[in-house]
Amino acid sequence: MNINVHHVHGKRIAEVISDKPVLTNAAEGLELLMNLYYQDFDRIILHEKDISPDFFYLKTGLAGEVLQKFSNYRVSLAIVGHFENMPGDSLHDFIRESNRSGHIHFVASTAEAIGRLS
């Protein structure tokens, strides 16, 4: 796993780059969050490909558990991917509501993620 650091308007944004999933369970989500948080990042970009598909099946509870940790630590998160083809009205409603809240963002590109987090 590598971290690309984006500097925008005086803000540091960590973009996680990996060739294998970095978030497959809640413990890994917390470990990733804490690792970056203690490196003074409060804005993080993850890519859909690096997250377990279970995250996107809301019935598993993985998304809720992980995103609650981000909220508790006041760390903003952008997840880059193609979500329109994912099944489930509940997921699409969840994504829409998350994007409205301003803390968790589901976006189509890294450039959009940086824009939302800066």
C-alpha atoms as a PDB file:
ATOM      1  CA  MET A   1       0.000   0.000   0.000  1.00  0.00           C
ATOM      2  CA  ASN A   2       1.197   3.482  -0.873  1.00  0.00           C
ATOM      3  CA  ILE A   3      -0.122   6.904   0.048  1.00  0.00           C
ATOM      4  CA  ASN A   4      -0.272   9.696  -2.509  1.00  0.00           C
ATOM      5  CA  VAL A   5      -0.430  13.028  -0.728  1.00  0.00           C
ATOM      6  CA  HIS A   6      -2.414  15.796  -2.399  1.00  0.00           C
ATOM      7  CA  HIS A   7      -1.895  19.368  -1.158  1.00  0.00           C
ATOM      8  CA  VAL A   8      -4.884  21.568  -1.953  1.00  0.00           C
ATOM      9  CA  HIS A   9      -5.706  24.943  -0.364  1.00  0.00           C
ATOM     10  CA  GLY A  10      -3.460  24.182   2.595  1.00  0.00           C
ATOM     11  CA  LYS A  11      -5.107  20.796   3.181  1.00  0.00           C
ATOM     12  CA  ARG A  12      -3.365  17.419   3.050  1.00  0.00           C
ATOM     13  CA  ILE A  13      -5.382  14.632   1.459  1.00  0.00           C
ATOM     14  CA  ALA A  14      -4.209  11.000   1.611  1.00  0.00           C
ATOM     15  CA  GLU A  15      -5.026   8.852  -1.406  1.00  0.00           C
ATOM     16  CA  VAL A  16      -4.582   5.156  -0.673  1.00  0.00           C
ATOM     17  CA  ILE A  17      -3.058   3.256  -3.612  1.00  0.00           C
ATOM     18  CA  SER A  18      -2.926  -0.515  -3.381  1.00  0.00           C
ATOM     19  CA  ASP A  19      -2.775  -3.572  -5.590  1.00  0.00           C
ATOM     20  CA  LYS A  20      -4.862  -5.568  -3.104  1.00  0.00           C
ATOM     21  CA  PRO A  21      -7.895  -4.772  -0.950  1.00  0.00           C
ATOM     22  CA  VAL A  22      -7.088  -2.679   2.119  1.00  0.00           C
ATOM     23  CA  LEU A  23     -10.540  -2.773   3.689  1.00  0.00           C
ATOM     24  CA  THR A  24     -12.123  -6.218   3.980  1.00  0.00           C
ATOM     25  CA  ASN A  25     -13.434  -5.988   7.547  1.00  0.00           C
ATOM     26  CA  ALA A  26     -14.113  -3.420  10.250  1.00  0.00           C
ATOM     27  CA  ALA A  27     -10.786  -3.995  12.004  1.00  0.00           C
ATOM     28  CA  GLU A  28      -8.851  -3.204   8.820  1.00  0.00           C
ATOM     29  CA  GLY A  29     -10.984  -0.104   8.330  1.00  0.00           C
ATOM     30  CA  LEU A  30     -10.147   1.109  11.828  1.00  0.00           C
ATOM     31  CA  GLU A  31      -6.458   0.270  11.406  1.00  0.00           C
ATOM     32  CA  LEU A  32      -6.295   2.203   8.127  1.00  0.00           C
ATOM     33  CA  LEU A  33      -8.133   5.153   9.662  1.00  0.00           C
ATOM     34  CA  MET A  34      -5.887   5.265  12.729  1.00  0.00           C
ATOM     35  CA  ASN A  35      -2.698   4.863  10.691  1.00  0.00           C
ATOM     36  CA  LEU A  36      -3.576   7.864   8.531  1.00  0.00           C
ATOM     37  CA  TYR A  37      -5.112   9.874  11.370  1.00  0.00           C
ATOM     38  CA  TYR A  38      -1.873   9.666  13.351  1.00  0.00           C
ATOM     39  CA  GLN A  39      -0.014  10.889  10.281  1.00  0.00           C
ATOM     40  CA  ASP A  40      -2.178  14.045  10.524  1.00  0.00           C
ATOM     41  CA  PHE A  41      -4.571  13.217   7.699  1.00  0.00           C
ATOM     42  CA  ASP A  42      -8.209  14.115   8.196  1.00  0.00           C
ATOM     43  CA  ARG A  43      -9.154  13.627   4.550  1.00  0.00           C
ATOM     44  CA  ILE A  44      -8.785  10.252   2.839  1.00  0.00           C
ATOM     45  CA  ILE A  45      -9.466   8.882  -0.639  1.00  0.00           C
ATOM     46  CA  LEU A  46     -10.105   5.166  -1.154  1.00  0.00           C
ATOM     47  CA  HIS A  47     -10.845   3.375  -4.411  1.00  0.00           C
ATOM     48  CA  GLU A  48     -13.753   0.973  -4.771  1.00  0.00           C
ATOM     49  CA  LYS A  49     -11.433  -1.775  -6.024  1.00  0.00           C
ATOM     50  CA  ASP A  50      -9.566  -1.670  -2.707  1.00  0.00           C
ATOM     51  CA  ILE A  51     -12.702  -2.249  -0.633  1.00  0.00           C
ATOM     52  CA  SER A  52     -14.396  -5.601  -0.066  1.00  0.00           C
ATOM     53  CA  PRO A  53     -17.647  -6.027  -2.032  1.00  0.00           C
ATOM     54  CA  ASP A  54     -19.264  -6.777   1.359  1.00  0.00           C
ATOM     55  CA  PHE A  55     -18.913  -3.073   2.156  1.00  0.00           C
ATOM     56  CA  PHE A  56     -21.414  -2.276  -0.596  1.00  0.00           C
ATOM     57  CA  TYR A  57     -23.967  -4.863   0.613  1.00  0.00           C
ATOM     58  CA  LEU A  58     -25.454  -2.810   3.397  1.00  0.00           C
ATOM     59  CA  LYS A  59     -26.960  -5.851   5.134  1.00  0.00           C
ATOM     60  CA  THR A  60     -23.463  -6.926   6.205  1.00  0.00           C
ATOM     61  CA  GLY A  61     -23.139  -3.799   8.347  1.00  0.00           C
ATOM     62  CA  LEU A  62     -19.531  -3.282   7.257  1.00  0.00           C
ATOM     63  CA  ALA A  63     -20.153   0.123   5.657  1.00  0.00           C
ATOM     64  CA  GLY A  64     -22.045   1.408   8.669  1.00  0.00           C
ATOM     65  CA  GLU A  65     -19.427   0.214  11.120  1.00  0.00           C
ATOM     66  CA  VAL A  66     -16.477   1.625   9.175  1.00  0.00           C
ATOM     67  CA  LEU A  67     -18.110   4.928   8.273  1.00  0.00           C
ATOM     68  CA  GLN A  68     -19.162   5.461  11.892  1.00  0.00           C
ATOM     69  CA  LYS A  69     -15.477   5.314  12.864  1.00  0.00           C
ATOM     70  CA  PHE A  70     -14.645   7.956  10.245  1.00  0.00           C
ATOM     71  CA  SER A  71     -17.438  10.140  11.629  1.00  0.00           C
ATOM     72  CA  ASN A  72     -16.309   9.652  15.230  1.00  0.00           C
ATOM     73  CA  TYR A  73     -12.784  10.805  14.364  1.00  0.00           C
ATOM     74  CA  ARG A  74     -14.089  13.561  12.067  1.00  0.00           C
ATOM     75  CA  VAL A  75     -12.131  12.232   9.123  1.00  0.00           C
ATOM     76  CA  SER A  76     -13.686  12.934   5.727  1.00  0.00           C
ATOM     77  CA  LEU A  77     -13.689  10.102   3.226  1.00  0.00           C
ATOM     78  CA  ALA A  78     -14.164   9.957  -0.525  1.00  0.00           C
ATOM     79  CA  ILE A  79     -14.648   6.608  -2.223  1.00  0.00           C
ATOM     80  CA  VAL A  80     -13.869   6.627  -5.946  1.00  0.00           C
ATOM     81  CA  GLY A  81     -15.719   4.155  -8.125  1.00  0.00           C
ATOM     82  CA  HIS A  82     -18.616   3.375 -10.406  1.00  0.00           C
ATOM     83  CA  PHE A  83     -21.621   2.919  -8.166  1.00  0.00           C
ATOM     84  CA  GLU A  84     -24.481   3.396 -10.598  1.00  0.00           C
ATOM     85  CA  ASN A  85     -24.287  -0.238 -11.736  1.00  0.00           C
ATOM     86  CA  MET A  86     -24.273  -1.696  -8.239  1.00  0.00           C
ATOM     87  CA  PRO A  87     -27.498  -3.444  -7.336  1.00  0.00           C
ATOM     88  CA  GLY A  88     -29.833  -2.271  -4.630  1.00  0.00           C
ATOM     89  CA  ASP A  89     -32.025   0.738  -4.099  1.00  0.00           C
ATOM     90  CA  SER A  90     -30.873   0.874  -0.480  1.00  0.00           C
ATOM     91  CA  LEU A  91     -27.250   1.312  -1.565  1.00  0.00           C
ATOM     92  CA  HIS A  92     -28.158   4.073  -4.015  1.00  0.00           C
ATOM     93  CA  ASP A  93     -30.201   5.835  -1.317  1.00  0.00           C
ATOM     94  CA  PHE A  94     -27.284   5.456   1.097  1.00  0.00           C
ATOM     95  CA  ILE A  95     -24.852   6.934  -1.448  1.00  0.00           C
ATOM     96  CA  ARG A  96     -27.184   9.842  -2.216  1.00  0.00           C
ATOM     97  CA  GLU A  97     -27.658  10.614   1.495  1.00  0.00           C
ATOM     98  CA  SER A  98     -23.920  10.310   2.205  1.00  0.00           C
ATOM     99  CA  ASN A  99     -23.081  12.703  -0.617  1.00  0.00           C
ATOM    100  CA  ARG A 100     -25.597  15.201   0.794  1.00  0.00           C
ATOM    101  CA  SER A 101     -24.140  15.058   4.306  1.00  0.00           C
ATOM    102  CA  GLY A 102     -20.766  16.418   3.201  1.00  0.00           C
ATOM    103  CA  HIS A 103     -18.614  14.076   5.290  1.00  0.00           C
ATOM    104  CA  ILE A 104     -18.593  10.862   3.226  1.00  0.00           C
ATOM    105  CA  HIS A 105     -18.493  11.115  -0.562  1.00  0.00           C
ATOM    106  CA  PHE A 106     -19.011   8.538  -3.295  1.00  0.00           C
ATOM    107  CA  VAL A 107     -17.516   9.981  -6.484  1.00  0.00           C
ATOM    108  CA  ALA A 108     -16.521   8.937 -10.006  1.00  0.00           C
ATOM    109  CA  SER A 109     -12.940  10.227 -10.144  1.00  0.00           C
ATOM    110  CA  THR A 110      -9.949  11.159  -8.025  1.00  0.00           C
ATOM    111  CA  ALA A 111     -10.215  14.756  -9.247  1.00  0.00           C
ATOM    112  CA  GLU A 112     -13.819  14.899  -7.988  1.00  0.00           C
ATOM    113  CA  ALA A 113     -12.722  13.367  -4.658  1.00  0.00           C
ATOM    114  CA  ILE A 114     -10.019  16.010  -4.222  1.00  0.00           C
ATOM    115  CA  GLY A 115     -12.522  18.734  -5.053  1.00  0.00           C
ATOM    116  CA  ARG A 116     -15.025  17.469  -2.485  1.00  0.00           C
ATOM    117  CA  LEU A 117     -12.406  17.051   0.237  1.00  0.00           C
ATOM    118  CA  SER A 118     -10.622  20.381  -0.224  1.00  0.00           C
END
